[in-house]
Amino acid sequence: MNAVSSRRDFFRLSAGALVATAALPGCRPPECETTAPSGDVFPQRGNFERLMLACSCVNAGATAPFSVLHVSDTHLTAAYPDEDPKKQQLKEIRTKTFGGRQEEALRDSLAWAKTNADYVLHTGDLIDWQSRANFDLVKKYFGTGMFGCLGNHEYSRNMWLEPSEPTEAYKAGTRAAVSAAFPFDVSVSSKLVNGVNFVTLDDVYGTVTEEQVARFAEEAKKGLPIVLCMHVPFYTENIWRVDRKFWTAAAQKGEPNFYRDAAVPEIAGEWKKQREDPVTRDFIAYLKKEPLLKAILAGHLHLCVEDRFSPTAMEYVAGGNFLFHGREILFS
């Protein structure tokens, strides 16, 4: 794509790749402001000053610079009154868990992006569990032009209120409903923006499949710089160290103060699965040597952190959007 001379031309030429902010619906309708206006939270601050935005720059070899607001983990917790009792129970409990301002946080983020960024990319857990109301919110805020990836919560029908397991078989049982709500191939998708190939990958349980690896290889054959987008980050020592510090009471368990010295905590959870699953392990090893890879964008941890993944790529993890977090990335 040739360099463009104006912001209007930029949107005209590139609409449909990621979510072009010019195509986003209005994010601050008057009826929303009557329920929880910004002034109720920070009465002496500006409209967007409750947003916590990190900023990064990636030299990806783009034909023209562009910016992306990367958000993740909004965890919308809506349910209509006529939905089943499990949905009502989850709405009550999980709304308290995430503070009840998730929709405001998403609305603020999209409203900010509409005048300050070119695209929005969401890397999963936009919804906390499946409900008609949550799916309708996805369509309300992103329309049919959304591009991104799913999180583990998109596949959850009723969370802990029903048996489930982190397997491809469980995902298969709920994929139809998810695919109907999110207008992109949820397994692997790609979109081209100014010569940069954004490739999304469903790794919501920490692993990838042979089919996904083969489809990624087809994307690499295009010879374009790649930005890999997924929900669960791939392991790096520093991202794992921060994750472990946040999610466990390490000091209470007698573990070393690994965040104050060079010690790396024993690997566990999805990180361990990435090492034990041969397909995922080999794919990560390949990525570390792939010069076309320019960045990895992920979420899942509810933490804003970044680390070197490979000689050519940093891995950027967006903080929880339910906490009004996001990351603006300028690609050049």
C-alpha atoms as a PDB file:
ATOM      1  CA  MET A   1       0.000   0.000   0.000  1.00  0.00           C
ATOM      2  CA  ASN A   2       1.360   3.399  -0.917  1.00  0.00           C
ATOM      3  CA  ALA A   3       1.874   6.085   1.682  1.00  0.00           C
ATOM      4  CA  VAL A   4      -1.208   8.247   2.077  1.00  0.00           C
ATOM      5  CA  SER A   5      -1.392  11.997   2.309  1.00  0.00           C
ATOM      6  CA  SER A   6      -4.144  12.475   4.870  1.00  0.00           C
ATOM      7  CA  ARG A   7      -5.938  10.708   7.707  1.00  0.00           C
ATOM      8  CA  ARG A   8      -9.135  10.600   5.631  1.00  0.00           C
ATOM      9  CA  ASP A   9      -7.298   8.888   2.764  1.00  0.00           C
ATOM     10  CA  PHE A  10      -5.753   6.483   5.246  1.00  0.00           C
ATOM     11  CA  PHE A  11      -9.144   5.288   6.431  1.00  0.00           C
ATOM     12  CA  ARG A  12     -10.554   5.126   2.915  1.00  0.00           C
ATOM     13  CA  LEU A  13      -7.741   2.869   1.758  1.00  0.00           C
ATOM     14  CA  SER A  14      -7.426   0.618   4.787  1.00  0.00           C
ATOM     15  CA  ALA A  15     -10.902   0.205   6.270  1.00  0.00           C
ATOM     16  CA  GLY A  16     -11.644  -3.423   7.123  1.00  0.00           C
ATOM     17  CA  ALA A  17      -8.179  -4.356   8.345  1.00  0.00           C
ATOM     18  CA  LEU A  18      -8.309  -4.595  12.129  1.00  0.00           C
ATOM     19  CA  VAL A  19     -11.063  -2.290  13.367  1.00  0.00           C
ATOM     20  CA  ALA A  20     -10.622   1.046  11.633  1.00  0.00           C
ATOM     21  CA  THR A  21     -11.536   3.605  14.271  1.00  0.00           C
ATOM     22  CA  ALA A  22     -13.356   5.733  11.717  1.00  0.00           C
ATOM     23  CA  ALA A  23     -15.862   2.892  11.371  1.00  0.00           C
ATOM     24  CA  LEU A  24     -16.506   2.474  15.107  1.00  0.00           C
ATOM     25  CA  PRO A  25     -19.983   3.389  16.336  1.00  0.00           C
ATOM     26  CA  GLY A  26     -20.404   6.392  18.601  1.00  0.00           C
ATOM     27  CA  CYS A  27     -19.100   5.400  22.012  1.00  0.00           C
ATOM     28  CA  ARG A  28     -20.565   8.116  24.222  1.00  0.00           C
ATOM     29  CA  PRO A  29     -24.331   8.224  23.664  1.00  0.00           C
ATOM     30  CA  PRO A  30     -26.164  10.631  26.030  1.00  0.00           C
ATOM     31  CA  GLU A  31     -28.065   7.817  27.737  1.00  0.00           C
ATOM     32  CA  CYS A  32     -24.779   6.267  28.853  1.00  0.00           C
ATOM     33  CA  GLU A  33     -23.588   9.488  30.435  1.00  0.00           C
ATOM     34  CA  THR A  34     -26.681   9.693  32.643  1.00  0.00           C
ATOM     35  CA  THR A  35     -25.832   6.414  34.353  1.00  0.00           C
ATOM     36  CA  ALA A  36     -22.135   6.865  35.060  1.00  0.00           C
ATOM     37  CA  PRO A  37     -20.649  10.076  33.671  1.00  0.00           C
ATOM     38  CA  SER A  38     -16.890  10.540  33.816  1.00  0.00           C
ATOM     39  CA  GLY A  39     -17.307  13.370  36.312  1.00  0.00           C
ATOM     40  CA  ASP A  40     -18.701  10.972  38.906  1.00  0.00           C
ATOM     41  CA  VAL A  41     -15.349   9.219  39.011  1.00  0.00           C
ATOM     42  CA  PHE A  42     -12.813  12.004  38.583  1.00  0.00           C
ATOM     43  CA  PRO A  43     -14.740  15.300  38.815  1.00  0.00           C
ATOM     44  CA  GLN A  44     -11.670  17.504  38.282  1.00  0.00           C
ATOM     45  CA  ARG A  45     -10.113  15.506  35.454  1.00  0.00           C
ATOM     46  CA  GLY A  46     -10.495  15.377  31.691  1.00  0.00           C
ATOM     47  CA  ASN A  47     -12.703  12.935  29.823  1.00  0.00           C
ATOM     48  CA  PHE A  48     -10.043  10.308  29.238  1.00  0.00           C
ATOM     49  CA  GLU A  49      -7.766  10.790  32.217  1.00  0.00           C
ATOM     50  CA  ARG A  50      -9.054   7.687  33.934  1.00  0.00           C
ATOM     51  CA  LEU A  51      -7.618   5.652  31.060  1.00  0.00           C
ATOM     52  CA  MET A  52      -4.207   4.136  31.816  1.00  0.00           C
ATOM     53  CA  LEU A  53      -2.423   3.893  28.465  1.00  0.00           C
ATOM     54  CA  ALA A  54       1.032   2.504  27.875  1.00  0.00           C
ATOM     55  CA  CYS A  55       2.752   3.620  24.674  1.00  0.00           C
ATOM     56  CA  SER A  56       5.192   1.662  22.513  1.00  0.00           C
ATOM     57  CA  CYS A  57       6.813   1.963  19.094  1.00  0.00           C
ATOM     58  CA  VAL A  58       7.525  -0.918  16.722  1.00  0.00           C
ATOM     59  CA  ASN A  59       9.680  -0.619  13.627  1.00  0.00           C
ATOM     60  CA  ALA A  60       7.847  -3.200  11.554  1.00  0.00           C
ATOM     61  CA  GLY A  61       8.763  -2.040   8.068  1.00  0.00           C
ATOM     62  CA  ALA A  62       5.348  -0.509   7.342  1.00  0.00           C
ATOM     63  CA  THR A  63       4.818   1.322   4.064  1.00  0.00           C
ATOM     64  CA  ALA A  64       3.299   4.196   6.078  1.00  0.00           C
ATOM     65  CA  PRO A  65       3.085   4.734   9.852  1.00  0.00           C
ATOM     66  CA  PHE A  66      -0.123   3.851  11.688  1.00  0.00           C
ATOM     67  CA  SER A  67      -1.224   3.445  15.284  1.00  0.00           C
ATOM     68  CA  VAL A  68      -3.172   0.691  17.023  1.00  0.00           C
ATOM     69  CA  LEU A  69      -4.888   0.769  20.390  1.00  0.00           C
ATOM     70  CA  HIS A  70      -4.299  -2.708  21.800  1.00  0.00           C
ATOM     71  CA  VAL A  71      -6.791  -3.685  24.498  1.00  0.00           C
ATOM     72  CA  SER A  72      -7.497  -6.990  26.189  1.00  0.00           C
ATOM     73  CA  ASP A  73      -9.541  -8.550  28.985  1.00  0.00           C
ATOM     74  CA  THR A  74     -12.585  -6.310  29.221  1.00  0.00           C
ATOM     75  CA  HIS A  75     -14.673  -9.096  30.793  1.00  0.00           C
ATOM     76  CA  LEU A  76     -18.185  -7.879  29.998  1.00  0.00           C
ATOM     77  CA  THR A  77     -20.680  -9.474  32.403  1.00  0.00           C
ATOM     78  CA  ALA A  78     -24.149  -8.827  30.978  1.00  0.00           C
ATOM     79  CA  ALA A  79     -27.225 -11.074  30.906  1.00  0.00           C
ATOM     80  CA  TYR A  80     -30.784 -10.346  29.840  1.00  0.00           C
ATOM     81  CA  PRO A  81     -33.525 -10.895  32.459  1.00  0.00           C
ATOM     82  CA  ASP A  82     -34.951 -13.830  30.486  1.00  0.00           C
ATOM     83  CA  GLU A  83     -31.644 -15.727  30.329  1.00  0.00           C
ATOM     84  CA  ASP A  84     -31.296 -18.803  32.532  1.00  0.00           C
ATOM     85  CA  PRO A  85     -30.529 -18.686  36.284  1.00  0.00           C
ATOM     86  CA  LYS A  86     -26.872 -19.564  35.779  1.00  0.00           C
ATOM     87  CA  LYS A  87     -26.419 -16.456  33.659  1.00  0.00           C
ATOM     88  CA  GLN A  88     -28.122 -14.337  36.335  1.00  0.00           C
ATOM     89  CA  GLN A  89     -25.864 -15.777  39.034  1.00  0.00           C
ATOM     90  CA  LEU A  90     -22.768 -15.121  36.971  1.00  0.00           C
ATOM     91  CA  LYS A  91     -23.887 -11.592  36.198  1.00  0.00           C
ATOM     92  CA  GLU A  92     -24.200 -10.787  39.901  1.00  0.00           C
ATOM     93  CA  ILE A  93     -20.973 -12.447  41.040  1.00  0.00           C
ATOM     94  CA  ARG A  94     -18.692 -11.582  38.150  1.00  0.00           C
ATOM     95  CA  THR A  95     -19.829  -7.974  37.859  1.00  0.00           C
ATOM     96  CA  LYS A  96     -18.680  -7.516  41.453  1.00  0.00           C
ATOM     97  CA  THR A  97     -15.410  -9.299  40.617  1.00  0.00           C
ATOM     98  CA  PHE A  98     -14.561  -6.842  37.837  1.00  0.00           C
ATOM     99  CA  GLY A  99     -15.933  -3.712  39.486  1.00  0.00           C
ATOM    100  CA  GLY A 100     -18.998  -3.103  37.359  1.00  0.00           C
ATOM    101  CA  ARG A 101     -17.370  -0.509  35.067  1.00  0.00           C
ATOM    102  CA  GLN A 102     -16.194  -2.820  32.290  1.00  0.00           C
ATOM    103  CA  GLU A 103     -18.529  -1.374  29.670  1.00  0.00           C
ATOM    104  CA  GLU A 104     -17.496   2.141  30.632  1.00  0.00           C
ATOM    105  CA  ALA A 105     -13.845   1.165  30.275  1.00  0.00           C
ATOM    106  CA  LEU A 106     -14.444  -0.261  26.813  1.00  0.00           C
ATOM    107  CA  ARG A 107     -16.495   2.766  25.805  1.00  0.00           C
ATOM    108  CA  ASP A 108     -13.819   5.163  27.031  1.00  0.00           C
ATOM    109  CA  SER A 109     -11.132   3.184  25.202  1.00  0.00           C
ATOM    110  CA  LEU A 110     -12.987   3.174  21.898  1.00  0.00           C
ATOM    111  CA  ALA A 111     -13.936   6.840  22.208  1.00  0.00           C
ATOM    112  CA  TRP A 112     -10.301   7.754  22.825  1.00  0.00           C
ATOM    113  CA  ALA A 113      -9.168   5.628  19.890  1.00  0.00           C
ATOM    114  CA  LYS A 114     -11.666   7.206  17.558  1.00  0.00           C
ATOM    115  CA  THR A 115      -9.737  10.490  17.618  1.00  0.00           C
ATOM    116  CA  ASN A 116      -6.258   9.327  18.671  1.00  0.00           C
ATOM    117  CA  ALA A 117      -5.524   6.032  16.883  1.00  0.00           C
ATOM    118  CA  ASP A 118      -6.128   4.433  13.515  1.00  0.00           C
ATOM    119  CA  TYR A 119      -7.178   0.952  14.614  1.00  0.00           C
ATOM    120  CA  VAL A 120      -8.333  -1.034  17.631  1.00  0.00           C
ATOM    121  CA  LEU A 121      -7.251  -4.610  18.280  1.00  0.00           C
ATOM    122  CA  HIS A 122      -8.713  -6.746  21.088  1.00  0.00           C
ATOM    123  CA  THR A 123      -6.778  -9.835  22.215  1.00  0.00           C
ATOM    124  CA  GLY A 124      -9.443 -11.777  24.050  1.00  0.00           C
ATOM    125  CA  ASP A 125     -11.725 -12.047  27.070  1.00  0.00           C
ATOM    126  CA  LEU A 126     -13.860  -9.247  25.705  1.00  0.00           C
ATOM    127  CA  ILE A 127     -16.692 -11.134  27.386  1.00  0.00           C
ATOM    128  CA  ASP A 128     -16.467 -13.064  30.648  1.00  0.00           C
ATOM    129  CA  TRP A 129     -18.763 -15.918  29.601  1.00  0.00           C
ATOM    130  CA  GLN A 130     -21.302 -16.646  26.901  1.00  0.00           C
ATOM    131  CA  SER A 131     -24.672 -14.906  27.073  1.00  0.00           C
ATOM    132  CA  ARG A 132     -26.927 -13.297  24.510  1.00  0.00           C
ATOM    133  CA  ALA A 133     -26.420  -9.956  26.213  1.00  0.00           C
ATOM    134  CA  ASN A 134     -22.629 -10.240  26.105  1.00  0.00           C
ATOM    135  CA  PHE A 135     -22.667 -11.258  22.450  1.00  0.00           C
ATOM    136  CA  ASP A 136     -24.931  -8.302  21.664  1.00  0.00           C
ATOM    137  CA  LEU A 137     -22.460  -5.954  23.378  1.00  0.00           C
ATOM    138  CA  VAL A 138     -19.704  -7.294  21.117  1.00  0.00           C
ATOM    139  CA  LYS A 139     -21.797  -6.396  18.079  1.00  0.00           C
ATOM    140  CA  LYS A 140     -22.824  -3.044  19.556  1.00  0.00           C
ATOM    141  CA  TYR A 141     -19.304  -1.785  20.109  1.00  0.00           C
ATOM    142  CA  PHE A 142     -17.452  -3.425  17.221  1.00  0.00           C
ATOM    143  CA  GLY A 143     -20.088  -4.097  14.581  1.00  0.00           C
ATOM    144  CA  THR A 144     -19.177  -6.488  11.781  1.00  0.00           C
ATOM    145  CA  GLY A 145     -15.678  -5.097  11.218  1.00  0.00           C
ATOM    146  CA  MET A 146     -14.057  -6.471  14.346  1.00  0.00           C
ATOM    147  CA  PHE A 147     -10.708  -8.223  14.054  1.00  0.00           C
ATOM    148  CA  GLY A 148      -8.751  -9.734  16.915  1.00  0.00           C
ATOM    149  CA  CYS A 149      -8.579 -12.994  18.794  1.00  0.00           C
ATOM    150  CA  LEU A 150     -10.505 -14.854  21.447  1.00  0.00           C
ATOM    151  CA  GLY A 151      -9.695 -15.531  25.082  1.00  0.00           C
ATOM    152  CA  ASN A 152     -10.486 -18.538  27.216  1.00  0.00           C
ATOM    153  CA  HIS A 153     -13.578 -16.789  28.611  1.00  0.00           C
ATOM    154  CA  GLU A 154     -15.184 -16.463  25.172  1.00  0.00           C
ATOM    155  CA  TYR A 155     -15.461 -20.256  25.158  1.00  0.00           C
ATOM    156  CA  SER A 156     -16.939 -20.499  28.644  1.00  0.00           C
ATOM    157  CA  ARG A 157     -20.654 -21.284  28.679  1.00  0.00           C
ATOM    158  CA  ASN A 158     -21.225 -21.029  32.426  1.00  0.00           C
ATOM    159  CA  MET A 159     -17.735 -20.992  33.950  1.00  0.00           C
ATOM    160  CA  TRP A 160     -17.504 -23.067  37.162  1.00  0.00           C
ATOM    161  CA  LEU A 161     -21.275 -23.705  37.208  1.00  0.00           C
ATOM    162  CA  GLU A 162     -20.893 -26.566  34.748  1.00  0.00           C
ATOM    163  CA  PRO A 163     -18.201 -29.155  33.976  1.00  0.00           C
ATOM    164  CA  SER A 164     -15.571 -27.961  31.542  1.00  0.00           C
ATOM    165  CA  GLU A 165     -11.958 -28.594  30.677  1.00  0.00           C
ATOM    166  CA  PRO A 166      -9.267 -26.651  28.804  1.00  0.00           C
ATOM    167  CA  THR A 167      -9.277 -28.809  25.676  1.00  0.00           C
ATOM    168  CA  GLU A 168      -9.908 -28.483  21.958  1.00  0.00           C
ATOM    169  CA  ALA A 169     -12.915 -30.786  22.422  1.00  0.00           C
ATOM    170  CA  TYR A 170     -14.559 -28.338  24.824  1.00  0.00           C
ATOM    171  CA  LYS A 171     -13.911 -25.462  22.449  1.00  0.00           C
ATOM    172  CA  ALA A 172     -15.477 -27.443  19.614  1.00  0.00           C
ATOM    173  CA  GLY A 173     -18.717 -27.733  21.588  1.00  0.00           C
ATOM    174  CA  THR A 174     -19.100 -24.002  21.909  1.00  0.00           C
ATOM    175  CA  ARG A 175     -17.308 -22.725  18.801  1.00  0.00           C
ATOM    176  CA  ALA A 176     -20.475 -22.262  16.746  1.00  0.00           C
ATOM    177  CA  ALA A 177     -21.925 -19.699  19.147  1.00  0.00           C
ATOM    178  CA  VAL A 178     -18.606 -17.877  19.365  1.00  0.00           C
ATOM    179  CA  SER A 179     -18.076 -17.843  15.617  1.00  0.00           C
ATOM    180  CA  ALA A 180     -21.524 -16.356  15.120  1.00  0.00           C
ATOM    181  CA  ALA A 181     -20.703 -13.450  17.445  1.00  0.00           C
ATOM    182  CA  PHE A 182     -17.166 -12.663  16.280  1.00  0.00           C
ATOM    183  CA  PRO A 183     -16.887 -11.886  12.544  1.00  0.00           C
ATOM    184  CA  PHE A 184     -13.509 -13.517  11.842  1.00  0.00           C
ATOM    185  CA  ASP A 185     -11.993 -17.000  11.704  1.00  0.00           C
ATOM    186  CA  VAL A 186     -11.427 -17.643  15.407  1.00  0.00           C
ATOM    187  CA  SER A 187      -8.685 -20.229  14.835  1.00  0.00           C
ATOM    188  CA  VAL A 188      -6.310 -18.246  12.590  1.00  0.00           C
ATOM    189  CA  SER A 189      -6.928 -14.984  10.777  1.00  0.00           C
ATOM    190  CA  SER A 190      -4.850 -12.348   9.055  1.00  0.00           C
ATOM    191  CA  LYS A 191      -5.275  -8.725   8.028  1.00  0.00           C
ATOM    192  CA  LEU A 192      -2.871  -6.516   6.113  1.00  0.00           C
ATOM    193  CA  VAL A 193      -2.264  -2.918   7.208  1.00  0.00           C
ATOM    194  CA  ASN A 194       0.249  -0.824   5.283  1.00  0.00           C
ATOM    195  CA  GLY A 195       2.375  -3.801   4.399  1.00  0.00           C
ATOM    196  CA  VAL A 196       2.282  -5.354   7.909  1.00  0.00           C
ATOM    197  CA  ASN A 197       0.544  -8.723   8.288  1.00  0.00           C
ATOM    198  CA  PHE A 198      -1.431  -9.030  11.540  1.00  0.00           C
ATOM    199  CA  VAL A 199      -1.950 -12.737  12.242  1.00  0.00           C
ATOM    200  CA  THR A 200      -4.257 -13.841  15.053  1.00  0.00           C
ATOM    201  CA  LEU A 201      -4.021 -17.213  16.741  1.00  0.00           C
ATOM    202  CA  ASP A 202      -6.346 -19.051  19.118  1.00  0.00           C
ATOM    203  CA  ASP A 203      -4.044 -20.185  21.944  1.00  0.00           C
ATOM    204  CA  VAL A 204      -6.548 -19.679  24.756  1.00  0.00           C
ATOM    205  CA  TYR A 205      -5.331 -22.704  26.736  1.00  0.00           C
ATOM    206  CA  GLY A 206      -1.666 -21.967  26.123  1.00  0.00           C
ATOM    207  CA  THR A 207      -1.114 -24.304  23.179  1.00  0.00           C
ATOM    208  CA  VAL A 208      -1.526 -24.360  19.398  1.00  0.00           C
ATOM    209  CA  THR A 209      -2.448 -27.132  16.964  1.00  0.00           C
ATOM    210  CA  GLU A 210      -0.683 -28.569  13.938  1.00  0.00           C
ATOM    211  CA  GLU A 211      -3.330 -27.041  11.674  1.00  0.00           C
ATOM    212  CA  GLN A 212      -2.686 -23.585  13.136  1.00  0.00           C
ATOM    213  CA  VAL A 213       1.055 -23.992  12.658  1.00  0.00           C
ATOM    214  CA  ALA A 214       0.520 -24.962   9.019  1.00  0.00           C
ATOM    215  CA  ARG A 215      -1.717 -21.945   8.436  1.00  0.00           C
ATOM    216  CA  PHE A 216       0.801 -19.640  10.056  1.00  0.00           C
ATOM    217  CA  ALA A 217       3.462 -21.056   7.735  1.00  0.00           C
ATOM    218  CA  GLU A 218       1.290 -20.032   4.772  1.00  0.00           C
ATOM    219  CA  GLU A 219       1.187 -16.491   6.149  1.00  0.00           C
ATOM    220  CA  ALA A 220       4.968 -16.448   6.521  1.00  0.00           C
ATOM    221  CA  LYS A 221       5.329 -17.457   2.855  1.00  0.00           C
ATOM    222  CA  LYS A 222       3.921 -14.058   1.912  1.00  0.00           C
ATOM    223  CA  GLY A 223       7.265 -12.595   2.981  1.00  0.00           C
ATOM    224  CA  LEU A 224       5.680  -9.688   4.866  1.00  0.00           C
ATOM    225  CA  PRO A 225       6.519  -8.469   8.369  1.00  0.00           C
ATOM    226  CA  ILE A 226       4.273 -10.218  10.898  1.00  0.00           C
ATOM    227  CA  VAL A 227       2.618  -9.065  14.115  1.00  0.00           C
ATOM    228  CA  LEU A 228       1.323 -12.124  15.975  1.00  0.00           C
ATOM    229  CA  CYS A 229      -1.786 -11.511  18.100  1.00  0.00           C
ATOM    230  CA  MET A 230      -3.073 -14.019  20.662  1.00  0.00           C
ATOM    231  CA  HIS A 231      -4.534 -14.209  24.148  1.00  0.00           C
ATOM    232  CA  VAL A 232      -2.053 -16.195  26.237  1.00  0.00           C
ATOM    233  CA  PRO A 233       1.511 -14.839  25.993  1.00  0.00           C
ATOM    234  CA  PHE A 234       4.353 -17.106  25.020  1.00  0.00           C
ATOM    235  CA  TYR A 235       6.841 -17.716  27.797  1.00  0.00           C
ATOM    236  CA  THR A 236       9.674 -15.359  28.560  1.00  0.00           C
ATOM    237  CA  GLU A 237      11.481 -15.307  31.884  1.00  0.00           C
ATOM    238  CA  ASN A 238      10.469 -11.764  32.787  1.00  0.00           C
ATOM    239  CA  ILE A 239       6.815 -12.073  31.790  1.00  0.00           C
ATOM    240  CA  TRP A 240       6.588 -15.298  33.792  1.00  0.00           C
ATOM    241  CA  ARG A 241       8.316 -13.664  36.752  1.00  0.00           C
ATOM    242  CA  VAL A 242       5.810 -10.793  36.776  1.00  0.00           C
ATOM    243  CA  ASP A 243       2.874 -13.155  36.284  1.00  0.00           C
ATOM    244  CA  ARG A 244       3.981 -15.323  39.195  1.00  0.00           C
ATOM    245  CA  LYS A 245       4.483 -12.347  41.455  1.00  0.00           C
ATOM    246  CA  PHE A 246       1.004 -10.998  40.775  1.00  0.00           C
ATOM    247  CA  TRP A 247      -1.023 -14.193  40.836  1.00  0.00           C
ATOM    248  CA  THR A 248       0.545 -16.053  43.807  1.00  0.00           C
ATOM    249  CA  ALA A 249       1.329 -15.166  47.387  1.00  0.00           C
ATOM    250  CA  ALA A 250       4.907 -16.283  46.889  1.00  0.00           C
ATOM    251  CA  ALA A 251       6.243 -14.906  50.167  1.00  0.00           C
ATOM    252  CA  GLN A 252       3.602 -16.768  52.150  1.00  0.00           C
ATOM    253  CA  LYS A 253       4.619 -20.033  50.535  1.00  0.00           C
ATOM    254  CA  GLY A 254       8.279 -19.636  51.339  1.00  0.00           C
ATOM    255  CA  GLU A 255       9.277 -19.148  47.718  1.00  0.00           C
ATOM    256  CA  PRO A 256      12.314 -16.999  46.908  1.00  0.00           C
ATOM    257  CA  ASN A 257      11.910 -13.302  46.185  1.00  0.00           C
ATOM    258  CA  PHE A 258      12.378 -14.003  42.503  1.00  0.00           C
ATOM    259  CA  TYR A 259      11.260 -10.508  41.609  1.00  0.00           C
ATOM    260  CA  ARG A 260      14.160  -9.044  43.590  1.00  0.00           C
ATOM    261  CA  ASP A 261      16.954 -11.279  42.359  1.00  0.00           C
ATOM    262  CA  ALA A 262      17.862 -13.391  39.352  1.00  0.00           C
ATOM    263  CA  ALA A 263      15.867 -16.451  40.407  1.00  0.00           C
ATOM    264  CA  VAL A 264      13.158 -17.628  38.033  1.00  0.00           C
ATOM    265  CA  PRO A 265      10.188 -19.391  39.670  1.00  0.00           C
ATOM    266  CA  GLU A 266       9.413 -22.962  38.780  1.00  0.00           C
ATOM    267  CA  ILE A 267       7.391 -23.016  35.596  1.00  0.00           C
ATOM    268  CA  ALA A 268       3.725 -23.938  35.925  1.00  0.00           C
ATOM    269  CA  GLY A 269       0.287 -23.632  34.350  1.00  0.00           C
ATOM    270  CA  GLU A 270      -0.036 -22.639  30.701  1.00  0.00           C
ATOM    271  CA  TRP A 271       3.673 -21.867  30.559  1.00  0.00           C
ATOM    272  CA  LYS A 272       4.423 -25.468  31.474  1.00  0.00           C
ATOM    273  CA  LYS A 273       1.984 -26.715  28.850  1.00  0.00           C
ATOM    274  CA  GLN A 274       3.827 -24.664  26.236  1.00  0.00           C
ATOM    275  CA  ARG A 275       7.011 -26.559  27.036  1.00  0.00           C
ATOM    276  CA  GLU A 276       5.427 -29.992  27.325  1.00  0.00           C
ATOM    277  CA  ASP A 277       3.253 -29.861  24.215  1.00  0.00           C
ATOM    278  CA  PRO A 278       5.592 -30.742  21.312  1.00  0.00           C
ATOM    279  CA  VAL A 279       3.666 -28.809  18.647  1.00  0.00           C
ATOM    280  CA  THR A 280       3.623 -25.630  20.704  1.00  0.00           C
ATOM    281  CA  ARG A 281       7.213 -26.039  21.866  1.00  0.00           C
ATOM    282  CA  ASP A 282       8.481 -26.457  18.307  1.00  0.00           C
ATOM    283  CA  PHE A 283       6.367 -23.556  17.054  1.00  0.00           C
ATOM    284  CA  ILE A 284       7.809 -21.225  19.683  1.00  0.00           C
ATOM    285  CA  ALA A 285      11.331 -22.364  18.802  1.00  0.00           C
ATOM    286  CA  TYR A 286      10.612 -21.612  15.143  1.00  0.00           C
ATOM    287  CA  LEU A 287       9.198 -18.161  15.962  1.00  0.00           C
ATOM    288  CA  LYS A 288      12.316 -17.192  17.864  1.00  0.00           C
ATOM    289  CA  LYS A 289      14.294 -17.643  14.633  1.00  0.00           C
ATOM    290  CA  GLU A 290      11.726 -16.135  12.249  1.00  0.00           C
ATOM    291  CA  PRO A 291      13.041 -12.728  11.092  1.00  0.00           C
ATOM    292  CA  LEU A 292       9.619 -11.693   9.738  1.00  0.00           C
ATOM    293  CA  LEU A 293       8.175 -11.666  13.269  1.00  0.00           C
ATOM    294  CA  LYS A 294       8.215  -8.039  14.469  1.00  0.00           C
ATOM    295  CA  ALA A 295       6.001  -8.139  17.578  1.00  0.00           C
ATOM    296  CA  ILE A 296       3.665 -10.298  19.651  1.00  0.00           C
ATOM    297  CA  LEU A 297       0.539  -8.763  21.185  1.00  0.00           C
ATOM    298  CA  ALA A 298      -1.198 -10.660  24.003  1.00  0.00           C
ATOM    299  CA  GLY A 299      -3.307 -10.283  27.136  1.00  0.00           C
ATOM    300  CA  HIS A 300      -4.695 -12.746  29.699  1.00  0.00           C
ATOM    301  CA  LEU A 301      -2.534 -11.695  32.659  1.00  0.00           C
ATOM    302  CA  HIS A 302      -4.375  -8.452  33.518  1.00  0.00           C
ATOM    303  CA  LEU A 303      -0.891  -6.936  33.693  1.00  0.00           C
ATOM    304  CA  CYS A 304       0.860  -4.393  31.497  1.00  0.00           C
ATOM    305  CA  VAL A 305       4.293  -5.868  30.764  1.00  0.00           C
ATOM    306  CA  GLU A 306       6.688  -6.324  27.858  1.00  0.00           C
ATOM    307  CA  ASP A 307       9.793  -8.397  27.251  1.00  0.00           C
ATOM    308  CA  ARG A 308      12.158  -9.404  24.485  1.00  0.00           C
ATOM    309  CA  PHE A 309      10.846 -12.549  22.752  1.00  0.00           C
ATOM    310  CA  SER A 310      13.298 -12.913  19.882  1.00  0.00           C
ATOM    311  CA  PRO A 311      16.056 -10.923  18.179  1.00  0.00           C
ATOM    312  CA  THR A 312      13.427  -9.202  15.995  1.00  0.00           C
ATOM    313  CA  ALA A 313      10.332  -9.122  18.215  1.00  0.00           C
ATOM    314  CA  MET A 314       9.176  -7.764  21.554  1.00  0.00           C
ATOM    315  CA  GLU A 315       6.189  -9.331  23.297  1.00  0.00           C
ATOM    316  CA  TYR A 316       3.644  -6.777  24.577  1.00  0.00           C
ATOM    317  CA  VAL A 317       1.001  -7.791  27.122  1.00  0.00           C
ATOM    318  CA  ALA A 318      -1.887  -5.352  27.591  1.00  0.00           C
ATOM    319  CA  GLY A 319      -3.268  -4.761  31.080  1.00  0.00           C
ATOM    320  CA  GLY A 320      -6.880  -5.552  31.955  1.00  0.00           C
ATOM    321  CA  ASN A 321      -9.189  -3.265  30.010  1.00  0.00           C
ATOM    322  CA  PHE A 322     -11.758  -3.606  32.814  1.00  0.00           C
ATOM    323  CA  LEU A 323      -9.282  -1.467  34.779  1.00  0.00           C
ATOM    324  CA  PHE A 324      -9.294   1.117  31.945  1.00  0.00           C
ATOM    325  CA  HIS A 325      -5.940  -0.174  30.653  1.00  0.00           C
ATOM    326  CA  GLY A 326      -4.727  -0.267  27.069  1.00  0.00           C
ATOM    327  CA  ARG A 327      -1.576   0.129  24.997  1.00  0.00           C
ATOM    328  CA  GLU A 328      -1.109   2.421  22.011  1.00  0.00           C
ATOM    329  CA  ILE A 329       1.449   1.094  19.551  1.00  0.00           C
ATOM    330  CA  LEU A 330       2.886   3.184  16.730  1.00  0.00           C
ATOM    331  CA  PHE A 331       3.979   0.989  13.840  1.00  0.00           C
ATOM    332  CA  SER A 332       6.497   2.394  11.401  1.00  0.00           C
END
